[in-house]
Amino acid sequence: MHKKNYKYEKYTKNINHIEDTKLYSAVRMALYLIVDIKRPLKYALSNSSKKHSVKPVKNIEKWVRHALPDDFFTKRKVENAPKEKREAASIRHQMLREMEIQGENHLRDILKEHK
């Protein structure tokens, strides 16, 4: 039988030293919900806390944030943004950069005139 590969398992290596088995199970469940099922953090924390009777939820959140990379949620937010918004943001960013370059060139021209 072929064992299914779960994405969340690569993050569990950071939490292997949790001694409380309930907390460990709750953190693994939260990671599974967040990474593989793509659920929001609050949903995952709430469900894993209820299922494994772990209170306060902050304990689970601390370990989940420890296990995941710092930019995990930022990347997901960008990936989930509608295509139109990503394109619009890209255009705005490009226009802003062009305006900054024009401003720098303008200041250089002004400083050259005064010398």
PDB file of N, CA and C in Angstrom:
ATOM      1  N   MET A   1       0.838  -1.182   0.000  1.00  0.00           N
ATOM      2  CA  MET A   1       0.000   0.000   0.000  1.00  0.00           C
ATOM      3  C   MET A   1       0.882   1.244   0.000  1.00  0.00           C
ATOM      4  N   HIS A   2       0.517   2.209  -0.815  1.00  0.00           N
ATOM      5  CA  HIS A   2       1.289   3.435  -0.947  1.00  0.00           C
ATOM      6  C   HIS A   2       0.928   4.417   0.166  1.00  0.00           C
ATOM      7  N   LYS A   3       1.952   4.885   0.879  1.00  0.00           N
ATOM      8  CA  LYS A   3       1.717   5.850   1.947  1.00  0.00           C
ATOM      9  C   LYS A   3       1.595   7.254   1.353  1.00  0.00           C
ATOM     10  N   LYS A   4       0.544   7.969   1.732  1.00  0.00           N
ATOM     11  CA  LYS A   4       0.326   9.311   1.215  1.00  0.00           C
ATOM     12  C   LYS A   4       1.328  10.271   1.846  1.00  0.00           C
ATOM     13  N   ASN A   5       1.882  11.135   1.034  1.00  0.00           N
ATOM     14  CA  ASN A   5       2.827  12.137   1.537  1.00  0.00           C
ATOM     15  C   ASN A   5       2.071  13.388   1.947  1.00  0.00           C
ATOM     16  N   TYR A   6       2.226  13.756   3.194  1.00  0.00           N
ATOM     17  CA  TYR A   6       1.596  14.963   3.712  1.00  0.00           C
ATOM     18  C   TYR A   6       2.641  16.067   3.773  1.00  0.00           C
ATOM     19  N   LYS A   7       2.259  17.257   3.379  1.00  0.00           N
ATOM     20  CA  LYS A   7       3.180  18.393   3.372  1.00  0.00           C
ATOM     21  C   LYS A   7       3.526  18.856   4.785  1.00  0.00           C
ATOM     22  N   TYR A   8       2.576  18.714   5.708  1.00  0.00           N
ATOM     23  CA  TYR A   8       2.793  19.244   7.060  1.00  0.00           C
ATOM     24  C   TYR A   8       3.881  18.488   7.807  1.00  0.00           C
ATOM     25  N   GLU A   9       4.182  17.264   7.397  1.00  0.00           N
ATOM     26  CA  GLU A   9       5.152  16.441   8.137  1.00  0.00           C
ATOM     27  C   GLU A   9       6.556  17.033   8.120  1.00  0.00           C
ATOM     28  N   LYS A  10       6.884  17.813   7.088  1.00  0.00           N
ATOM     29  CA  LYS A  10       8.225  18.412   7.072  1.00  0.00           C
ATOM     30  C   LYS A  10       8.365  19.499   8.142  1.00  0.00           C
ATOM     31  N   TYR A  11       7.249  20.038   8.613  1.00  0.00           N
ATOM     32  CA  TYR A  11       7.302  21.058   9.669  1.00  0.00           C
ATOM     33  C   TYR A  11       7.275  20.448  11.071  1.00  0.00           C
ATOM     34  N   THR A  12       6.894  19.176  11.182  1.00  0.00           N
ATOM     35  CA  THR A  12       6.783  18.561  12.506  1.00  0.00           C
ATOM     36  C   THR A  12       8.137  18.269  13.132  1.00  0.00           C
ATOM     37  N   LYS A  13       9.200  18.287  12.333  1.00  0.00           N
ATOM     38  CA  LYS A  13      10.527  18.037  12.917  1.00  0.00           C
ATOM     39  C   LYS A  13      10.913  19.121  13.918  1.00  0.00           C
ATOM     40  N   ASN A  14      10.307  20.301  13.797  1.00  0.00           N
ATOM     41  CA  ASN A  14      10.597  21.400  14.725  1.00  0.00           C
ATOM     42  C   ASN A  14       9.866  21.270  16.059  1.00  0.00           C
ATOM     43  N   ILE A  15       8.931  20.313  16.158  1.00  0.00           N
ATOM     44  CA  ILE A  15       8.135  20.195  17.381  1.00  0.00           C
ATOM     45  C   ILE A  15       8.286  18.826  18.040  1.00  0.00           C
ATOM     46  N   ASN A  16       9.241  18.034  17.624  1.00  0.00           N
ATOM     47  CA  ASN A  16       9.388  16.671  18.144  1.00  0.00           C
ATOM     48  C   ASN A  16       9.726  16.614  19.631  1.00  0.00           C
ATOM     49  N   HIS A  17      10.164  17.692  20.206  1.00  0.00           N
ATOM     50  CA  HIS A  17      10.571  17.668  21.617  1.00  0.00           C
ATOM     51  C   HIS A  17       9.478  18.138  22.574  1.00  0.00           C
ATOM     52  N   ILE A  18       8.231  18.198  22.133  1.00  0.00           N
ATOM     53  CA  ILE A  18       7.114  18.535  23.034  1.00  0.00           C
ATOM     54  C   ILE A  18       6.798  17.294  23.863  1.00  0.00           C
ATOM     55  N   GLU A  19       6.841  17.423  25.167  1.00  0.00           N
ATOM     56  CA  GLU A  19       6.632  16.270  26.041  1.00  0.00           C
ATOM     57  C   GLU A  19       5.153  15.961  26.267  1.00  0.00           C
ATOM     58  N   ASP A  20       4.310  16.978  26.313  1.00  0.00           N
ATOM     59  CA  ASP A  20       2.874  16.786  26.532  1.00  0.00           C
ATOM     60  C   ASP A  20       2.255  16.179  25.270  1.00  0.00           C
ATOM     61  N   THR A  21       1.753  14.944  25.379  1.00  0.00           N
ATOM     62  CA  THR A  21       1.234  14.248  24.195  1.00  0.00           C
ATOM     63  C   THR A  21      -0.020  14.917  23.630  1.00  0.00           C
ATOM     64  N   LYS A  22      -0.869  15.460  24.483  1.00  0.00           N
ATOM     65  CA  LYS A  22      -2.057  16.153  23.996  1.00  0.00           C
ATOM     66  C   LYS A  22      -1.669  17.397  23.203  1.00  0.00           C
ATOM     67  N   LEU A  23      -0.741  18.160  23.750  1.00  0.00           N
ATOM     68  CA  LEU A  23      -0.281  19.365  23.069  1.00  0.00           C
ATOM     69  C   LEU A  23       0.391  19.001  21.742  1.00  0.00           C
ATOM     70  N   TYR A  24       1.217  17.964  21.753  1.00  0.00           N
ATOM     71  CA  TYR A  24       1.897  17.519  20.530  1.00  0.00           C
ATOM     72  C   TYR A  24       0.883  17.130  19.458  1.00  0.00           C
ATOM     73  N   SER A  25      -0.138  16.371  19.843  1.00  0.00           N
ATOM     74  CA  SER A  25      -1.179  15.955  18.892  1.00  0.00           C
ATOM     75  C   SER A  25      -1.966  17.161  18.375  1.00  0.00           C
ATOM     76  N   ALA A  26      -2.247  18.098  19.252  1.00  0.00           N
ATOM     77  CA  ALA A  26      -2.995  19.298  18.856  1.00  0.00           C
ATOM     78  C   ALA A  26      -2.183  20.142  17.871  1.00  0.00           C
ATOM     79  N   VAL A  27      -0.894  20.271  18.119  1.00  0.00           N
ATOM     80  CA  VAL A  27      -0.039  21.049  17.220  1.00  0.00           C
ATOM     81  C   VAL A  27       0.062  20.360  15.857  1.00  0.00           C
ATOM     82  N   ARG A  28       0.214  19.039  15.858  1.00  0.00           N
ATOM     83  CA  ARG A  28       0.268  18.295  14.583  1.00  0.00           C
ATOM     84  C   ARG A  28      -1.041  18.460  13.804  1.00  0.00           C
ATOM     85  N   MET A  29      -2.159  18.391  14.503  1.00  0.00           N
ATOM     86  CA  MET A  29      -3.447  18.554  13.833  1.00  0.00           C
ATOM     87  C   MET A  29      -3.581  19.962  13.253  1.00  0.00           C
ATOM     88  N   ALA A  30      -3.177  20.954  14.022  1.00  0.00           N
ATOM     89  CA  ALA A  30      -3.250  22.337  13.552  1.00  0.00           C
ATOM     90  C   ALA A  30      -2.362  22.527  12.317  1.00  0.00           C
ATOM     91  N   LEU A  31      -1.167  21.964  12.348  1.00  0.00           N
ATOM     92  CA  LEU A  31      -0.276  22.064  11.188  1.00  0.00           C
ATOM     93  C   LEU A  31      -0.885  21.384   9.968  1.00  0.00           C
ATOM     94  N   TYR A  32      -1.509  20.230  10.180  1.00  0.00           N
ATOM     95  CA  TYR A  32      -2.166  19.517   9.082  1.00  0.00           C
ATOM     96  C   TYR A  32      -3.273  20.373   8.473  1.00  0.00           C
ATOM     97  N   LEU A  33      -4.092  20.966   9.333  1.00  0.00           N
ATOM     98  CA  LEU A  33      -5.197  21.793   8.843  1.00  0.00           C
ATOM     99  C   LEU A  33      -4.686  23.031   8.094  1.00  0.00           C
ATOM    100  N   ILE A  34      -3.630  23.625   8.600  1.00  0.00           N
ATOM    101  CA  ILE A  34      -3.096  24.842   7.991  1.00  0.00           C
ATOM    102  C   ILE A  34      -2.383  24.543   6.677  1.00  0.00           C
ATOM    103  N   VAL A  35      -1.498  23.555   6.691  1.00  0.00           N
ATOM    104  CA  VAL A  35      -0.637  23.299   5.534  1.00  0.00           C
ATOM    105  C   VAL A  35      -1.342  22.471   4.460  1.00  0.00           C
ATOM    106  N   ASP A  36      -1.920  21.345   4.837  1.00  0.00           N
ATOM    107  CA  ASP A  36      -2.490  20.439   3.839  1.00  0.00           C
ATOM    108  C   ASP A  36      -3.920  20.790   3.448  1.00  0.00           C
ATOM    109  N   ILE A  37      -4.722  21.188   4.396  1.00  0.00           N
ATOM    110  CA  ILE A  37      -6.128  21.491   4.107  1.00  0.00           C
ATOM    111  C   ILE A  37      -6.316  22.977   3.783  1.00  0.00           C
ATOM    112  N   LYS A  38      -5.264  23.792   4.050  1.00  0.00           N
ATOM    113  CA  LYS A  38      -5.260  25.237   3.766  1.00  0.00           C
ATOM    114  C   LYS A  38      -6.354  25.992   4.528  1.00  0.00           C
ATOM    115  N   ARG A  39      -6.501  25.660   5.790  1.00  0.00           N
ATOM    116  CA  ARG A  39      -7.459  26.359   6.650  1.00  0.00           C
ATOM    117  C   ARG A  39      -6.770  27.549   7.317  1.00  0.00           C
ATOM    118  N   PRO A  40      -7.537  28.554   7.727  1.00  0.00           N
ATOM    119  CA  PRO A  40      -6.952  29.693   8.449  1.00  0.00           C
ATOM    120  C   PRO A  40      -6.402  29.274   9.818  1.00  0.00           C
ATOM    121  N   LEU A  41      -5.489  30.069  10.320  1.00  0.00           N
ATOM    122  CA  LEU A  41      -4.832  29.776  11.595  1.00  0.00           C
ATOM    123  C   LEU A  41      -5.840  29.654  12.728  1.00  0.00           C
ATOM    124  N   LYS A  42      -6.745  30.599  12.852  1.00  0.00           N
ATOM    125  CA  LYS A  42      -7.703  30.576  13.969  1.00  0.00           C
ATOM    126  C   LYS A  42      -8.588  29.340  13.924  1.00  0.00           C
ATOM    127  N   TYR A  43      -9.028  28.954  12.737  1.00  0.00           N
ATOM    128  CA  TYR A  43      -9.850  27.754  12.581  1.00  0.00           C
ATOM    129  C   TYR A  43      -9.074  26.513  13.035  1.00  0.00           C
ATOM    130  N   ALA A  44      -7.840  26.401  12.586  1.00  0.00           N
ATOM    131  CA  ALA A  44      -7.014  25.246  12.934  1.00  0.00           C
ATOM    132  C   ALA A  44      -6.750  25.182  14.436  1.00  0.00           C
ATOM    133  N   LEU A  45      -6.448  26.317  15.036  1.00  0.00           N
ATOM    134  CA  LEU A  45      -6.175  26.353  16.478  1.00  0.00           C
ATOM    135  C   LEU A  45      -7.425  25.984  17.275  1.00  0.00           C
ATOM    136  N   SER A  46      -8.550  26.532  16.883  1.00  0.00           N
ATOM    137  CA  SER A  46      -9.796  26.270  17.592  1.00  0.00           C
ATOM    138  C   SER A  46     -10.172  24.787  17.531  1.00  0.00           C
ATOM    139  N   ASN A  47     -10.133  24.220  16.342  1.00  0.00           N
ATOM    140  CA  ASN A  47     -10.518  22.812  16.193  1.00  0.00           C
ATOM    141  C   ASN A  47      -9.559  21.855  16.887  1.00  0.00           C
ATOM    142  N   SER A  48      -8.265  22.111  16.762  1.00  0.00           N
ATOM    143  CA  SER A  48      -7.313  21.209  17.411  1.00  0.00           C
ATOM    144  C   SER A  48      -7.386  21.338  18.931  1.00  0.00           C
ATOM    145  N   SER A  49      -7.674  22.539  19.418  1.00  0.00           N
ATOM    146  CA  SER A  49      -7.818  22.741  20.858  1.00  0.00           C
ATOM    147  C   SER A  49      -9.020  21.972  21.400  1.00  0.00           C
ATOM    148  N   LYS A  50     -10.140  22.038  20.683  1.00  0.00           N
ATOM    149  CA  LYS A  50     -11.347  21.314  21.105  1.00  0.00           C
ATOM    150  C   LYS A  50     -11.144  19.807  21.037  1.00  0.00           C
ATOM    151  N   LYS A  51     -10.593  19.333  19.944  1.00  0.00           N
ATOM    152  CA  LYS A  51     -10.445  17.887  19.732  1.00  0.00           C
ATOM    153  C   LYS A  51      -9.513  17.249  20.763  1.00  0.00           C
ATOM    154  N   HIS A  52      -8.423  17.942  21.100  1.00  0.00           N
ATOM    155  CA  HIS A  52      -7.431  17.354  21.998  1.00  0.00           C
ATOM    156  C   HIS A  52      -7.472  17.927  23.413  1.00  0.00           C
ATOM    157  N   SER A  53      -8.464  18.748  23.704  1.00  0.00           N
ATOM    158  CA  SER A  53      -8.666  19.325  25.047  1.00  0.00           C
ATOM    159  C   SER A  53      -7.416  20.024  25.568  1.00  0.00           C
ATOM    160  N   VAL A  54      -6.888  20.914  24.762  1.00  0.00           N
ATOM    161  CA  VAL A  54      -5.698  21.674  25.163  1.00  0.00           C
ATOM    162  C   VAL A  54      -6.098  23.124  25.353  1.00  0.00           C
ATOM    163  N   LYS A  55      -5.862  23.631  26.550  1.00  0.00           N
ATOM    164  CA  LYS A  55      -6.121  25.027  26.870  1.00  0.00           C
ATOM    165  C   LYS A  55      -4.864  25.593  27.495  1.00  0.00           C
ATOM    166  N   PRO A  56      -4.521  26.808  27.331  1.00  0.00           N
ATOM    167  CA  PRO A  56      -5.066  27.800  26.423  1.00  0.00           C
ATOM    168  C   PRO A  56      -4.586  27.557  24.989  1.00  0.00           C
ATOM    169  N   VAL A  57      -5.289  28.124  24.055  1.00  0.00           N
ATOM    170  CA  VAL A  57      -4.991  27.958  22.635  1.00  0.00           C
ATOM    171  C   VAL A  57      -3.637  28.585  22.290  1.00  0.00           C
ATOM    172  N   LYS A  58      -3.209  29.550  23.099  1.00  0.00           N
ATOM    173  CA  LYS A  58      -1.918  30.212  22.856  1.00  0.00           C
ATOM    174  C   LYS A  58      -0.767  29.223  22.854  1.00  0.00           C
ATOM    175  N   ASN A  59      -0.883  28.151  23.653  1.00  0.00           N
ATOM    176  CA  ASN A  59       0.178  27.141  23.674  1.00  0.00           C
ATOM    177  C   ASN A  59       0.319  26.474  22.310  1.00  0.00           C
ATOM    178  N   ILE A  60      -0.792  26.151  21.702  1.00  0.00           N
ATOM    179  CA  ILE A  60      -0.760  25.523  20.382  1.00  0.00           C
ATOM    180  C   ILE A  60      -0.214  26.526  19.358  1.00  0.00           C
ATOM    181  N   GLU A  61      -0.708  27.756  19.436  1.00  0.00           N
ATOM    182  CA  GLU A  61      -0.280  28.778  18.477  1.00  0.00           C
ATOM    183  C   GLU A  61       1.223  29.021  18.558  1.00  0.00           C
ATOM    184  N   LYS A  62       1.762  29.036  19.765  1.00  0.00           N
ATOM    185  CA  LYS A  62       3.199  29.263  19.941  1.00  0.00           C
ATOM    186  C   LYS A  62       4.001  28.196  19.191  1.00  0.00           C
ATOM    187  N   TRP A  63       3.605  26.944  19.329  1.00  0.00           N
ATOM    188  CA  TRP A  63       4.328  25.852  18.679  1.00  0.00           C
ATOM    189  C   TRP A  63       4.088  25.832  17.167  1.00  0.00           C
ATOM    190  N   VAL A  64       2.894  26.180  16.742  1.00  0.00           N
ATOM    191  CA  VAL A  64       2.613  26.237  15.293  1.00  0.00           C
ATOM    192  C   VAL A  64       3.475  27.313  14.648  1.00  0.00           C
ATOM    193  N   ARG A  65       3.537  28.474  15.267  1.00  0.00           N
ATOM    194  CA  ARG A  65       4.363  29.559  14.713  1.00  0.00           C
ATOM    195  C   ARG A  65       5.843  29.207  14.765  1.00  0.00           C
ATOM    196  N   HIS A  66       6.238  28.426  15.755  1.00  0.00           N
ATOM    197  CA  HIS A  66       7.628  27.969  15.839  1.00  0.00           C
ATOM    198  C   HIS A  66       7.938  26.995  14.707  1.00  0.00           C
ATOM    199  N   ALA A  67       6.984  26.140  14.360  1.00  0.00           N
ATOM    200  CA  ALA A  67       7.203  25.114  13.345  1.00  0.00           C
ATOM    201  C   ALA A  67       7.197  25.680  11.928  1.00  0.00           C
ATOM    202  N   LEU A  68       6.359  26.668  11.679  1.00  0.00           N
ATOM    203  CA  LEU A  68       6.235  27.224  10.328  1.00  0.00           C
ATOM    204  C   LEU A  68       7.252  28.341  10.106  1.00  0.00           C
ATOM    205  N   PRO A  69       7.687  28.533   8.849  1.00  0.00           N
ATOM    206  CA  PRO A  69       8.600  29.645   8.554  1.00  0.00           C
ATOM    207  C   PRO A  69       7.929  30.992   8.829  1.00  0.00           C
ATOM    208  N   ASP A  70       8.731  32.002   9.085  1.00  0.00           N
ATOM    209  CA  ASP A  70       8.204  33.322   9.430  1.00  0.00           C
ATOM    210  C   ASP A  70       7.318  33.906   8.332  1.00  0.00           C
ATOM    211  N   ASP A  71       7.656  33.634   7.087  1.00  0.00           N
ATOM    212  CA  ASP A  71       6.916  34.235   5.980  1.00  0.00           C
ATOM    213  C   ASP A  71       5.815  33.328   5.424  1.00  0.00           C
ATOM    214  N   PHE A  72       5.467  32.267   6.119  1.00  0.00           N
ATOM    215  CA  PHE A  72       4.481  31.301   5.625  1.00  0.00           C
ATOM    216  C   PHE A  72       3.132  31.955   5.345  1.00  0.00           C
ATOM    217  N   PHE A  73       2.614  32.702   6.302  1.00  0.00           N
ATOM    218  CA  PHE A  73       1.292  33.294   6.158  1.00  0.00           C
ATOM    219  C   PHE A  73       1.310  34.463   5.170  1.00  0.00           C
ATOM    220  N   THR A  74       2.422  35.178   5.096  1.00  0.00           N
ATOM    221  CA  THR A  74       2.544  36.262   4.122  1.00  0.00           C
ATOM    222  C   THR A  74       2.514  35.706   2.705  1.00  0.00           C
ATOM    223  N   LYS A  75       3.250  34.632   2.472  1.00  0.00           N
ATOM    224  CA  LYS A  75       3.261  34.008   1.146  1.00  0.00           C
ATOM    225  C   LYS A  75       1.874  33.496   0.778  1.00  0.00           C
ATOM    226  N   ARG A  76       1.197  32.878   1.727  1.00  0.00           N
ATOM    227  CA  ARG A  76      -0.144  32.363   1.451  1.00  0.00           C
ATOM    228  C   ARG A  76      -1.104  33.498   1.109  1.00  0.00           C
ATOM    229  N   LYS A  77      -0.981  34.603   1.820  1.00  0.00           N
ATOM    230  CA  LYS A  77      -1.846  35.751   1.559  1.00  0.00           C
ATOM    231  C   LYS A  77      -1.633  36.271   0.143  1.00  0.00           C
ATOM    232  N   VAL A  78      -0.387  36.344  -0.291  1.00  0.00           N
ATOM    233  CA  VAL A  78      -0.081  36.804  -1.640  1.00  0.00           C
ATOM    234  C   VAL A  78      -0.604  35.808  -2.673  1.00  0.00           C
ATOM    235  N   GLU A  79      -0.413  34.517  -2.417  1.00  0.00           N
ATOM    236  CA  GLU A  79      -0.865  33.487  -3.353  1.00  0.00           C
ATOM    237  C   GLU A  79      -2.390  33.479  -3.495  1.00  0.00           C
ATOM    238  N   ASN A  80      -3.088  33.763  -2.408  1.00  0.00           N
ATOM    239  CA  ASN A  80      -4.542  33.712  -2.428  1.00  0.00           C
ATOM    240  C   ASN A  80      -5.195  34.991  -2.929  1.00  0.00           C
ATOM    241  N   ALA A  81      -4.387  36.022  -3.147  1.00  0.00           N
ATOM    242  CA  ALA A  81      -4.951  37.281  -3.639  1.00  0.00           C
ATOM    243  C   ALA A  81      -5.489  37.070  -5.050  1.00  0.00           C
ATOM    244  N   PRO A  82      -6.618  37.703  -5.367  1.00  0.00           N
ATOM    245  CA  PRO A  82      -7.142  37.574  -6.728  1.00  0.00           C
ATOM    246  C   PRO A  82      -6.126  38.064  -7.760  1.00  0.00           C
ATOM    247  N   LYS A  83      -6.145  37.456  -8.924  1.00  0.00           N
ATOM    248  CA  LYS A  83      -5.173  37.774  -9.965  1.00  0.00           C
ATOM    249  C   LYS A  83      -5.211  39.256 -10.329  1.00  0.00           C
ATOM    250  N   GLU A  84      -6.415  39.825 -10.374  1.00  0.00           N
ATOM    251  CA  GLU A  84      -6.550  41.232 -10.725  1.00  0.00           C
ATOM    252  C   GLU A  84      -5.817  42.131  -9.730  1.00  0.00           C
ATOM    253  N   LYS A  85      -5.929  41.795  -8.443  1.00  0.00           N
ATOM    254  CA  LYS A  85      -5.266  42.606  -7.419  1.00  0.00           C
ATOM    255  C   LYS A  85      -3.756  42.482  -7.529  1.00  0.00           C
ATOM    256  N   ARG A  86      -3.262  41.276  -7.803  1.00  0.00           N
ATOM    257  CA  ARG A  86      -1.815  41.095  -7.945  1.00  0.00           C
ATOM    258  C   ARG A  86      -1.292  41.894  -9.123  1.00  0.00           C
ATOM    259  N   GLU A  87      -2.027  41.859 -10.244  1.00  0.00           N
ATOM    260  CA  GLU A  87      -1.600  42.609 -11.426  1.00  0.00           C
ATOM    261  C   GLU A  87      -1.650  44.105 -11.164  1.00  0.00           C
ATOM    262  N   ALA A  88      -2.707  44.570 -10.507  1.00  0.00           N
ATOM    263  CA  ALA A  88      -2.838  45.996 -10.204  1.00  0.00           C
ATOM    264  C   ALA A  88      -1.709  46.445  -9.273  1.00  0.00           C
ATOM    265  N   ALA A  89      -1.390  45.627  -8.286  1.00  0.00           N
ATOM    266  CA  ALA A  89      -0.307  45.969  -7.358  1.00  0.00           C
ATOM    267  C   ALA A  89       1.026  46.015  -8.090  1.00  0.00           C
ATOM    268  N   SER A  90       1.216  45.118  -9.017  1.00  0.00           N
ATOM    269  CA  SER A  90       2.451  45.097  -9.796  1.00  0.00           C
ATOM    270  C   SER A  90       2.586  46.361 -10.635  1.00  0.00           C
ATOM    271  N   ILE A  91       1.484  46.769 -11.255  1.00  0.00           N
ATOM    272  CA  ILE A  91       1.497  47.988 -12.074  1.00  0.00           C
ATOM    273  C   ILE A  91       1.762  49.213 -11.205  1.00  0.00           C
ATOM    274  N   ARG A  92       1.088  49.277 -10.042  1.00  0.00           N
ATOM    275  CA  ARG A  92       1.302  50.404  -9.123  1.00  0.00           C
ATOM    276  C   ARG A  92       2.749  50.456  -8.657  1.00  0.00           C
ATOM    277  N   HIS A  93       3.320  49.305  -8.343  1.00  0.00           N
ATOM    278  CA  HIS A  93       4.699  49.248  -7.877  1.00  0.00           C
ATOM    279  C   HIS A  93       5.657  49.738  -8.969  1.00  0.00           C
ATOM    280  N   GLN A  94       5.407  49.314 -10.199  1.00  0.00           N
ATOM    281  CA  GLN A  94       6.246  49.734 -11.315  1.00  0.00           C
ATOM    282  C   GLN A  94       6.133  51.241 -11.534  1.00  0.00           C
ATOM    283  N   MET A  95       4.919  51.781 -11.485  1.00  0.00           N
ATOM    284  CA  MET A  95       4.722  53.213 -11.668  1.00  0.00           C
ATOM    285  C   MET A  95       5.403  54.006 -10.551  1.00  0.00           C
ATOM    286  N   LEU A  96       5.304  53.515  -9.322  1.00  0.00           N
ATOM    287  CA  LEU A  96       5.931  54.188  -8.188  1.00  0.00           C
ATOM    288  C   LEU A  96       7.451  54.223  -8.373  1.00  0.00           C
ATOM    289  N   ARG A  97       8.010  53.109  -8.810  1.00  0.00           N
ATOM    290  CA  ARG A  97       9.463  53.052  -9.023  1.00  0.00           C
ATOM    291  C   ARG A  97       9.890  54.040 -10.115  1.00  0.00           C
ATOM    292  N   GLU A  98       9.108  54.121 -11.194  1.00  0.00           N
ATOM    293  CA  GLU A  98       9.423  55.071 -12.262  1.00  0.00           C
ATOM    294  C   GLU A  98       9.354  56.508 -11.756  1.00  0.00           C
ATOM    295  N   MET A  99       8.366  56.809 -10.906  1.00  0.00           N
ATOM    296  CA  MET A  99       8.246  58.152 -10.347  1.00  0.00           C
ATOM    297  C   MET A  99       9.432  58.470  -9.440  1.00  0.00           C
ATOM    298  N   GLU A 100       9.897  57.485  -8.674  1.00  0.00           N
ATOM    299  CA  GLU A 100      11.059  57.698  -7.811  1.00  0.00           C
ATOM    300  C   GLU A 100      12.300  58.006  -8.647  1.00  0.00           C
ATOM    301  N   ILE A 101      12.468  57.278  -9.744  1.00  0.00           N
ATOM    302  CA  ILE A 101      13.617  57.515 -10.633  1.00  0.00           C
ATOM    303  C   ILE A 101      13.537  58.912 -11.243  1.00  0.00           C
ATOM    304  N   GLN A 102      12.342  59.309 -11.681  1.00  0.00           N
ATOM    305  CA  GLN A 102      12.156  60.647 -12.245  1.00  0.00           C
ATOM    306  C   GLN A 102      12.478  61.719 -11.206  1.00  0.00           C
ATOM    307  N   GLY A 103      12.055  61.486  -9.963  1.00  0.00           N
ATOM    308  CA  GLY A 103      12.335  62.438  -8.890  1.00  0.00           C
ATOM    309  C   GLY A 103      13.822  62.556  -8.616  1.00  0.00           C
ATOM    310  N   GLU A 104      14.514  61.419  -8.604  1.00  0.00           N
ATOM    311  CA  GLU A 104      15.970  61.440  -8.384  1.00  0.00           C
ATOM    312  C   GLU A 104      16.674  62.178  -9.519  1.00  0.00           C
ATOM    313  N   ASN A 105      16.261  61.913 -10.756  1.00  0.00           N
ATOM    314  CA  ASN A 105      16.853  62.603 -11.912  1.00  0.00           C
ATOM    315  C   ASN A 105      16.583  64.103 -11.847  1.00  0.00           C
ATOM    316  N   HIS A 106      15.390  64.481 -11.440  1.00  0.00           N
ATOM    317  CA  HIS A 106      15.029  65.890 -11.322  1.00  0.00           C
ATOM    318  C   HIS A 106      15.918  66.583 -10.287  1.00  0.00           C
ATOM    319  N   LEU A 107      16.117  65.935  -9.146  1.00  0.00           N
ATOM    320  CA  LEU A 107      16.988  66.525  -8.115  1.00  0.00           C
ATOM    321  C   LEU A 107      18.417  66.654  -8.618  1.00  0.00           C
ATOM    322  N   ARG A 108      18.922  65.675  -9.342  1.00  0.00           N
ATOM    323  CA  ARG A 108      20.268  65.741  -9.899  1.00  0.00           C
ATOM    324  C   ARG A 108      20.385  66.925 -10.858  1.00  0.00           C
ATOM    325  N   ASP A 109      19.355  67.104 -11.699  1.00  0.00           N
ATOM    326  CA  ASP A 109      19.367  68.221 -12.652  1.00  0.00           C
ATOM    327  C   ASP A 109      19.390  69.568 -11.918  1.00  0.00           C
ATOM    328  N   ILE A 110      18.599  69.696 -10.859  1.00  0.00           N
ATOM    329  CA  ILE A 110      18.545  70.939 -10.088  1.00  0.00           C
ATOM    330  C   ILE A 110      19.915  71.225  -9.450  1.00  0.00           C
ATOM    331  N   LEU A 111      20.523  70.172  -8.873  1.00  0.00           N
ATOM    332  CA  LEU A 111      21.823  70.358  -8.217  1.00  0.00           C
ATOM    333  C   LEU A 111      22.912  70.707  -9.223  1.00  0.00           C
ATOM    334  N   LYS A 112      22.831  70.177 -10.449  1.00  0.00           N
ATOM    335  CA  LYS A 112      23.805  70.514 -11.483  1.00  0.00           C
ATOM    336  C   LYS A 112      23.688  71.967 -11.900  1.00  0.00           C
ATOM    337  N   GLU A 113      22.458  72.494 -11.955  1.00  0.00           N
ATOM    338  CA  GLU A 113      22.246  73.879 -12.361  1.00  0.00           C
ATOM    339  C   GLU A 113      22.831  74.854 -11.355  1.00  0.00           C
ATOM    340  N   HIS A 114      22.817  74.505 -10.081  1.00  0.00           N
ATOM    341  CA  HIS A 114      23.291  75.404  -9.025  1.00  0.00           C
ATOM    342  C   HIS A 114      24.804  75.374  -8.856  1.00  0.00           C
ATOM    343  N   LYS A 115      25.482  74.493  -9.491  1.00  0.00           N
ATOM    344  CA  LYS A 115      26.940  74.410  -9.323  1.00  0.00           C
ATOM    345  C   LYS A 115      27.668  75.318 -10.250  1.00  0.00           C
TER     346      LYS A 115
END
